[in-house]
Amino acid sequence: MEVSWRNSVISELQPYVAQRQRRKAEMRSRLQAGHQAGLQQAKILADILKAEFGATQVVLFGSMLSVNDIHLGSDIDLAVWDLPFVMLFAATMLTGSNLPELMLISNY
């Protein structure tokens, strides 16, 4: 009796478990796509910061570094060398105009 009840419950829950697994796979796929897009944007931003603002080095850090760490709230975090502080705001405004969030850290 106990085994048949348990099997009945498992059978009833199976569609919900399958739906949850599909949603999880879809989320993982979206996060992977977001990770790839973020890496591409970070490369473009690094090139702009070096060419247009004179940064000598730009390093990506934070959750965007790894597809295993990325989440829905991930942004692009960049450490920037030799970008004068007065240029930090201008660089953020010009390079981050179409990004949800861009964090620049200058050591100048």
C-alpha atoms as a PDB file:
ATOM      1  CA  MET A   1       0.000   0.000   0.000  1.00  0.00           C
ATOM      2  CA  GLU A   2       2.792   2.421   1.007  1.00  0.00           C
ATOM      3  CA  VAL A   3       4.793   1.791  -2.198  1.00  0.00           C
ATOM      4  CA  SER A   4       1.785   2.249  -4.454  1.00  0.00           C
ATOM      5  CA  TRP A   5       0.895   5.563  -2.756  1.00  0.00           C
ATOM      6  CA  ARG A   6       4.475   6.752  -3.153  1.00  0.00           C
ATOM      7  CA  ASN A   7       4.541   5.773  -6.830  1.00  0.00           C
ATOM      8  CA  SER A   8       1.242   7.581  -7.364  1.00  0.00           C
ATOM      9  CA  VAL A   9       2.626  10.796  -5.833  1.00  0.00           C
ATOM     10  CA  ILE A  10       5.807  10.522  -7.886  1.00  0.00           C
ATOM     11  CA  SER A  11       3.778  10.052 -11.064  1.00  0.00           C
ATOM     12  CA  GLU A  12       1.655  13.114 -10.274  1.00  0.00           C
ATOM     13  CA  LEU A  13       4.723  15.263  -9.605  1.00  0.00           C
ATOM     14  CA  GLN A  14       6.615  14.159 -12.719  1.00  0.00           C
ATOM     15  CA  PRO A  15       5.221  16.909 -15.024  1.00  0.00           C
ATOM     16  CA  TYR A  16       6.219  19.583 -12.498  1.00  0.00           C
ATOM     17  CA  VAL A  17       9.701  18.132 -12.124  1.00  0.00           C
ATOM     18  CA  ALA A  18      10.098  18.008 -15.920  1.00  0.00           C
ATOM     19  CA  GLN A  19       8.917  21.622 -16.248  1.00  0.00           C
ATOM     20  CA  ARG A  20      11.385  22.734 -13.568  1.00  0.00           C
ATOM     21  CA  GLN A  21      14.210  20.937 -15.373  1.00  0.00           C
ATOM     22  CA  ARG A  22      13.268  22.645 -18.662  1.00  0.00           C
ATOM     23  CA  ARG A  23      13.206  26.071 -16.996  1.00  0.00           C
ATOM     24  CA  LYS A  24      16.563  25.419 -15.369  1.00  0.00           C
ATOM     25  CA  ALA A  25      18.082  24.430 -18.731  1.00  0.00           C
ATOM     26  CA  GLU A  26      16.590  27.540 -20.394  1.00  0.00           C
ATOM     27  CA  MET A  27      18.009  29.780 -17.653  1.00  0.00           C
ATOM     28  CA  ARG A  28      21.432  28.176 -17.982  1.00  0.00           C
ATOM     29  CA  SER A  29      21.305  28.754 -21.746  1.00  0.00           C
ATOM     30  CA  ARG A  30      20.337  32.437 -21.289  1.00  0.00           C
ATOM     31  CA  LEU A  31      23.107  32.946 -18.736  1.00  0.00           C
ATOM     32  CA  GLN A  32      25.659  31.381 -21.081  1.00  0.00           C
ATOM     33  CA  ALA A  33      24.518  33.672 -23.898  1.00  0.00           C
ATOM     34  CA  GLY A  34      24.698  36.656 -21.528  1.00  0.00           C
ATOM     35  CA  HIS A  35      28.185  35.625 -20.509  1.00  0.00           C
ATOM     36  CA  GLN A  36      29.359  35.515 -24.123  1.00  0.00           C
ATOM     37  CA  ALA A  37      27.748  38.887 -24.876  1.00  0.00           C
ATOM     38  CA  GLY A  38      29.297  40.367 -21.728  1.00  0.00           C
ATOM     39  CA  LEU A  39      32.762  39.150 -22.671  1.00  0.00           C
ATOM     40  CA  GLN A  40      32.377  40.696 -26.127  1.00  0.00           C
ATOM     41  CA  GLN A  41      31.225  44.003 -24.638  1.00  0.00           C
ATOM     42  CA  ALA A  42      34.077  43.973 -22.125  1.00  0.00           C
ATOM     43  CA  LYS A  43      36.586  43.526 -24.956  1.00  0.00           C
ATOM     44  CA  ILE A  44      35.050  46.407 -26.920  1.00  0.00           C
ATOM     45  CA  LEU A  45      35.061  48.618 -23.822  1.00  0.00           C
ATOM     46  CA  ALA A  46      38.676  47.739 -23.036  1.00  0.00           C
ATOM     47  CA  ASP A  47      39.693  48.657 -26.575  1.00  0.00           C
ATOM     48  CA  ILE A  48      37.839  52.000 -26.333  1.00  0.00           C
ATOM     49  CA  LEU A  49      39.346  52.802 -22.926  1.00  0.00           C
ATOM     50  CA  LYS A  50      42.835  52.142 -24.252  1.00  0.00           C
ATOM     51  CA  ALA A  51      42.470  53.851 -27.643  1.00  0.00           C
ATOM     52  CA  GLU A  52      40.299  56.829 -26.725  1.00  0.00           C
ATOM     53  CA  PHE A  53      41.162  57.482 -23.072  1.00  0.00           C
ATOM     54  CA  GLY A  54      44.769  56.322 -22.810  1.00  0.00           C
ATOM     55  CA  ALA A  55      44.282  53.491 -20.318  1.00  0.00           C
ATOM     56  CA  THR A  56      47.361  51.290 -20.262  1.00  0.00           C
ATOM     57  CA  GLN A  57      45.682  48.159 -18.908  1.00  0.00           C
ATOM     58  CA  VAL A  58      42.069  47.024 -18.499  1.00  0.00           C
ATOM     59  CA  VAL A  59      41.160  43.884 -16.549  1.00  0.00           C
ATOM     60  CA  LEU A  60      37.753  42.249 -16.253  1.00  0.00           C
ATOM     61  CA  PHE A  61      36.810  41.016 -12.788  1.00  0.00           C
ATOM     62  CA  GLY A  62      33.702  39.876 -10.954  1.00  0.00           C
ATOM     63  CA  SER A  63      30.940  37.484 -11.909  1.00  0.00           C
ATOM     64  CA  MET A  64      31.352  38.039 -15.656  1.00  0.00           C
ATOM     65  CA  LEU A  65      34.700  36.218 -15.558  1.00  0.00           C
ATOM     66  CA  SER A  66      33.143  32.765 -15.315  1.00  0.00           C
ATOM     67  CA  VAL A  67      30.024  31.288 -16.820  1.00  0.00           C
ATOM     68  CA  ASN A  68      29.619  29.455 -13.500  1.00  0.00           C
ATOM     69  CA  ASP A  69      29.493  32.729 -11.533  1.00  0.00           C
ATOM     70  CA  ILE A  70      27.273  34.815 -13.804  1.00  0.00           C
ATOM     71  CA  HIS A  71      23.748  35.634 -12.609  1.00  0.00           C
ATOM     72  CA  LEU A  72      20.826  37.757 -13.767  1.00  0.00           C
ATOM     73  CA  GLY A  73      22.244  40.821 -12.009  1.00  0.00           C
ATOM     74  CA  SER A  74      25.765  40.480 -13.382  1.00  0.00           C
ATOM     75  CA  ASP A  75      27.395  43.608 -14.747  1.00  0.00           C
ATOM     76  CA  ILE A  76      30.731  44.333 -16.389  1.00  0.00           C
ATOM     77  CA  ASP A  77      33.396  45.184 -13.832  1.00  0.00           C
ATOM     78  CA  LEU A  78      36.617  46.629 -15.227  1.00  0.00           C
ATOM     79  CA  ALA A  79      39.768  47.651 -13.403  1.00  0.00           C
ATOM     80  CA  VAL A  80      41.483  50.384 -15.419  1.00  0.00           C
ATOM     81  CA  TRP A  81      45.103  51.522 -15.134  1.00  0.00           C
ATOM     82  CA  ASP A  82      46.338  55.025 -15.886  1.00  0.00           C
ATOM     83  CA  LEU A  83      42.967  56.588 -16.536  1.00  0.00           C
ATOM     84  CA  PRO A  84      43.020  60.046 -14.897  1.00  0.00           C
ATOM     85  CA  PHE A  85      40.268  60.378 -12.311  1.00  0.00           C
ATOM     86  CA  VAL A  86      38.730  63.345 -14.116  1.00  0.00           C
ATOM     87  CA  MET A  87      38.334  61.124 -17.182  1.00  0.00           C
ATOM     88  CA  LEU A  88      36.684  58.327 -15.199  1.00  0.00           C
ATOM     89  CA  PHE A  89      33.225  59.911 -15.296  1.00  0.00           C
ATOM     90  CA  ALA A  90      33.493  60.812 -18.984  1.00  0.00           C
ATOM     91  CA  ALA A  91      34.639  57.312 -19.863  1.00  0.00           C
ATOM     92  CA  THR A  92      31.798  55.794 -17.860  1.00  0.00           C
ATOM     93  CA  MET A  93      29.220  57.999 -19.558  1.00  0.00           C
ATOM     94  CA  LEU A  94      30.532  57.473 -23.080  1.00  0.00           C
ATOM     95  CA  THR A  95      31.236  53.744 -22.894  1.00  0.00           C
ATOM     96  CA  GLY A  96      28.371  52.774 -20.623  1.00  0.00           C
ATOM     97  CA  SER A  97      25.531  54.599 -22.322  1.00  0.00           C
ATOM     98  CA  ASN A  98      23.871  51.408 -23.529  1.00  0.00           C
ATOM     99  CA  LEU A  99      24.914  49.085 -20.710  1.00  0.00           C
ATOM    100  CA  PRO A 100      22.769  48.355 -17.684  1.00  0.00           C
ATOM    101  CA  GLU A 101      25.719  48.862 -15.367  1.00  0.00           C
ATOM    102  CA  LEU A 102      29.413  49.406 -15.892  1.00  0.00           C
ATOM    103  CA  MET A 103      31.870  49.679 -13.050  1.00  0.00           C
ATOM    104  CA  LEU A 104      35.234  51.286 -13.702  1.00  0.00           C
ATOM    105  CA  ILE A 105      37.954  51.469 -11.085  1.00  0.00           C
ATOM    106  CA  SER A 106      40.902  53.723 -11.773  1.00  0.00           C
ATOM    107  CA  ASN A 107      44.237  53.560  -9.954  1.00  0.00           C
ATOM    108  CA  TYR A 108      45.400  56.987 -11.116  1.00  0.00           C
END
